[in-house]
Amino acid sequence: MGALGVDLSALHWIYVVFIVLIIGFMVKRRDTTLICI
């Protein structure tokens, strides 16, 4: 059970990191348009 919990938390953090990267990329692309305005 302990090993499974570690695997689940690792997958959860990888998932969170991917979401943060995607949001960060979208914000960076929007940032250029905001600077233009």
Protein backbone atom coordinates (compact mmCIF):
# COMPACT_ATOMS: atom_id res chain seq x y z
CA MET A 1 0.00 0.00 0.00
CA GLY A 2 2.83 2.41 0.86
CA ALA A 3 4.61 1.88 -2.47
CA LEU A 4 1.33 2.37 -4.35
CA GLY A 5 0.74 5.64 -2.49
CA VAL A 6 4.20 6.88 -3.51
CA ASP A 7 3.48 6.00 -7.17
CA LEU A 8 0.12 7.78 -7.05
CA SER A 9 1.65 10.92 -5.52
CA ALA A 10 4.46 10.90 -8.13
CA LEU A 11 1.93 10.63 -10.98
CA HIS A 12 -0.15 13.36 -9.34
CA TRP A 13 2.83 15.73 -9.18
CA ILE A 14 3.79 15.01 -12.80
CA TYR A 15 0.18 15.81 -13.78
CA VAL A 16 0.27 19.05 -11.76
CA VAL A 17 3.61 20.06 -13.34
CA PHE A 18 2.21 19.52 -16.85
CA ILE A 19 -0.86 21.67 -16.05
CA VAL A 20 1.36 24.44 -14.63
CA LEU A 21 3.59 24.34 -17.74
CA ILE A 22 0.58 24.56 -20.09
CA ILE A 23 -0.96 27.45 -18.11
CA GLY A 24 2.43 29.19 -17.95
CA PHE A 25 2.88 28.81 -21.71
CA MET A 26 -0.59 30.27 -22.36
CA VAL A 27 0.13 33.19 -20.00
CA LYS A 28 3.46 33.86 -21.75
CA ARG A 29 1.78 33.89 -25.16
CA ARG A 30 -0.93 36.22 -23.82
CA ASP A 31 1.73 38.41 -22.19
CA THR A 32 3.06 39.47 -25.62
CA THR A 33 -0.44 40.61 -26.68
CA LEU A 34 -0.90 42.49 -23.37
CA ILE A 35 2.41 44.30 -23.93
CA CYS A 36 1.22 45.33 -27.43
CA ILE A 37 -1.95 46.78 -25.93
